[in-house]
Amino acid sequence: MIKELFSASHVVTVFVVFFFAFGIGFFFKRSGLLRAIIVDEEQKTIRGSFINFIFTVMVAILIGIGAFRNGVAENLMKMETLIIGVYAASFGIYSLKQGYAAYLKKGNGGTIPPVTPPPQ
């Protein structure tokens, strides 16, 4: 059990998680650029594009690990439909939000467009 705990894949995973957590936490306070990438200052929320970026990186890391470990590759094959569905939903929700925000900024104020009368 101890040998498996300190295997190369676990050490790499812990390092990657620590690097992301420490790096983002450290530079979040120091760098205005990183804060602008992660946080939408107008709405005081995390940007959807950043969430999609993290999701893409995690899927890419899993695919990279699956290239060298048969067990991970088999589990990814079992969950491929779920991964694609979550991935598509994530980008779809983000795209709908961006489209709705553009619609609101267009000047219509978010109201329903007027219905044109039928031709007579």
Protein backbone atom coordinates (compact mmCIF):
# COMPACT_ATOMS: atom_id res chain seq x y z
CA MET A 1 0.00 0.00 0.00
CA ILE A 2 2.79 2.45 0.88
CA LYS A 3 4.63 1.50 -2.31
CA GLU A 4 1.52 2.26 -4.40
CA LEU A 5 0.94 5.51 -2.54
CA PHE A 6 4.37 6.78 -3.53
CA SER A 7 4.32 5.43 -7.07
CA ALA A 8 5.31 7.76 -9.89
CA SER A 9 1.76 8.46 -11.07
CA HIS A 10 0.57 9.47 -7.59
CA VAL A 11 3.57 11.71 -7.01
CA VAL A 12 3.02 13.41 -10.36
CA THR A 13 -0.69 13.88 -9.62
CA VAL A 14 0.01 15.40 -6.20
CA PHE A 15 2.65 17.68 -7.74
CA VAL A 16 0.30 18.86 -10.50
CA VAL A 17 -2.55 19.54 -8.05
CA PHE A 18 -0.20 21.34 -5.64
CA PHE A 19 1.34 23.36 -8.50
CA PHE A 20 -2.06 24.48 -9.78
CA ALA A 21 -3.41 25.28 -6.34
CA PHE A 22 -0.30 27.06 -5.11
CA GLY A 23 0.47 28.75 -8.41
CA ILE A 24 -3.01 30.08 -8.99
CA GLY A 25 -3.38 31.09 -5.34
CA PHE A 26 -0.02 32.85 -5.24
CA PHE A 27 -0.25 34.68 -8.54
CA PHE A 28 -3.93 35.46 -8.12
CA LYS A 29 -3.06 38.13 -5.55
CA ARG A 30 0.11 39.31 -7.32
CA SER A 31 -0.88 39.43 -10.98
CA GLY A 32 -3.73 41.57 -12.23
CA LEU A 33 -3.62 39.71 -15.55
CA LEU A 34 -4.27 36.35 -13.93
CA ARG A 35 -7.10 37.83 -11.87
CA ALA A 36 -8.60 39.31 -15.04
CA ILE A 37 -8.42 35.90 -16.74
CA ILE A 38 -10.08 34.06 -13.86
CA VAL A 39 -12.57 36.56 -12.38
CA ASP A 40 -15.20 38.68 -14.10
CA GLU A 41 -14.96 41.90 -12.08
CA GLU A 42 -18.34 43.25 -13.22
CA GLN A 43 -20.33 40.24 -12.06
CA LYS A 44 -17.90 39.10 -9.31
CA THR A 45 -17.92 35.52 -10.61
CA ILE A 46 -15.44 33.06 -12.08
CA ARG A 47 -15.35 33.28 -15.86
CA GLY A 48 -16.94 30.45 -17.79
CA SER A 49 -14.03 30.41 -20.21
CA PHE A 50 -11.66 29.67 -17.32
CA ILE A 51 -13.85 26.80 -16.13
CA ASN A 52 -13.88 25.38 -19.67
CA PHE A 53 -10.09 25.79 -19.84
CA ILE A 54 -9.60 23.84 -16.60
CA PHE A 55 -12.01 21.15 -17.82
CA THR A 56 -10.09 20.87 -21.11
CA VAL A 57 -6.75 20.60 -19.30
CA MET A 58 -8.08 17.88 -16.99
CA VAL A 59 -9.44 15.82 -19.90
CA ALA A 60 -6.12 16.23 -21.74
CA ILE A 61 -4.20 15.07 -18.65
CA LEU A 62 -6.47 12.03 -18.32
CA ILE A 63 -5.95 11.16 -21.98
CA GLY A 64 -2.18 11.53 -21.53
CA ILE A 65 -2.18 9.24 -18.49
CA GLY A 66 -4.45 6.81 -20.34
CA ALA A 67 -1.89 6.55 -23.13
CA PHE A 68 0.52 4.86 -20.71
CA ARG A 69 -1.81 3.09 -18.25
CA ASN A 70 -4.22 0.45 -19.54
CA GLY A 71 -6.55 0.68 -16.54
CA VAL A 72 -7.06 4.40 -17.00
CA ALA A 73 -7.59 3.96 -20.73
CA GLU A 74 -10.25 1.29 -20.14
CA ASN A 75 -12.08 3.50 -17.65
CA LEU A 76 -11.95 6.44 -20.08
CA MET A 77 -13.44 4.21 -22.78
CA LYS A 78 -16.29 3.27 -20.43
CA MET A 79 -17.01 6.93 -19.64
CA GLU A 80 -16.48 8.45 -23.10
CA THR A 81 -20.17 9.28 -23.61
CA LEU A 82 -20.39 10.93 -20.21
CA ILE A 83 -17.20 12.95 -20.79
CA ILE A 84 -18.40 14.14 -24.20
CA GLY A 85 -21.83 15.03 -22.80
CA VAL A 86 -20.45 17.03 -19.88
CA TYR A 87 -17.91 18.71 -22.16
CA ALA A 88 -20.58 19.66 -24.72
CA ALA A 89 -22.97 20.88 -22.01
CA SER A 90 -20.24 23.00 -20.45
CA PHE A 91 -19.42 24.73 -23.72
CA GLY A 92 -23.10 24.96 -24.67
CA ILE A 93 -24.05 26.68 -21.42
CA TYR A 94 -21.10 29.05 -21.78
CA SER A 95 -22.04 29.86 -25.39
CA LEU A 96 -25.69 30.48 -24.48
CA LYS A 97 -24.62 32.80 -21.67
CA GLN A 98 -22.33 34.74 -24.02
CA GLY A 99 -25.08 35.00 -26.64
CA TYR A 100 -27.63 36.19 -24.10
CA ALA A 101 -25.18 38.78 -22.74
CA ALA A 102 -24.60 40.04 -26.29
CA TYR A 103 -28.38 40.19 -26.80
CA LEU A 104 -28.78 42.29 -23.65
CA LYS A 105 -26.02 44.67 -24.71
CA LYS A 106 -27.64 45.14 -28.11
CA GLY A 107 -30.01 47.69 -26.63
CA ASN A 108 -33.19 45.69 -26.48
CA GLY A 109 -32.94 45.47 -22.69
CA GLY A 110 -33.64 41.77 -22.60
CA THR A 111 -37.25 42.10 -23.72
CA ILE A 112 -38.88 39.79 -26.19
CA PRO A 113 -38.57 41.13 -29.75
CA PRO A 114 -41.84 42.53 -31.08
CA VAL A 115 -43.88 40.24 -33.27
CA THR A 116 -44.37 41.61 -36.77
CA PRO A 117 -47.96 41.61 -37.96
CA PRO A 118 -48.82 39.08 -40.64
CA PRO A 119 -49.01 40.41 -44.19
CA GLN A 120 -52.50 41.43 -45.31
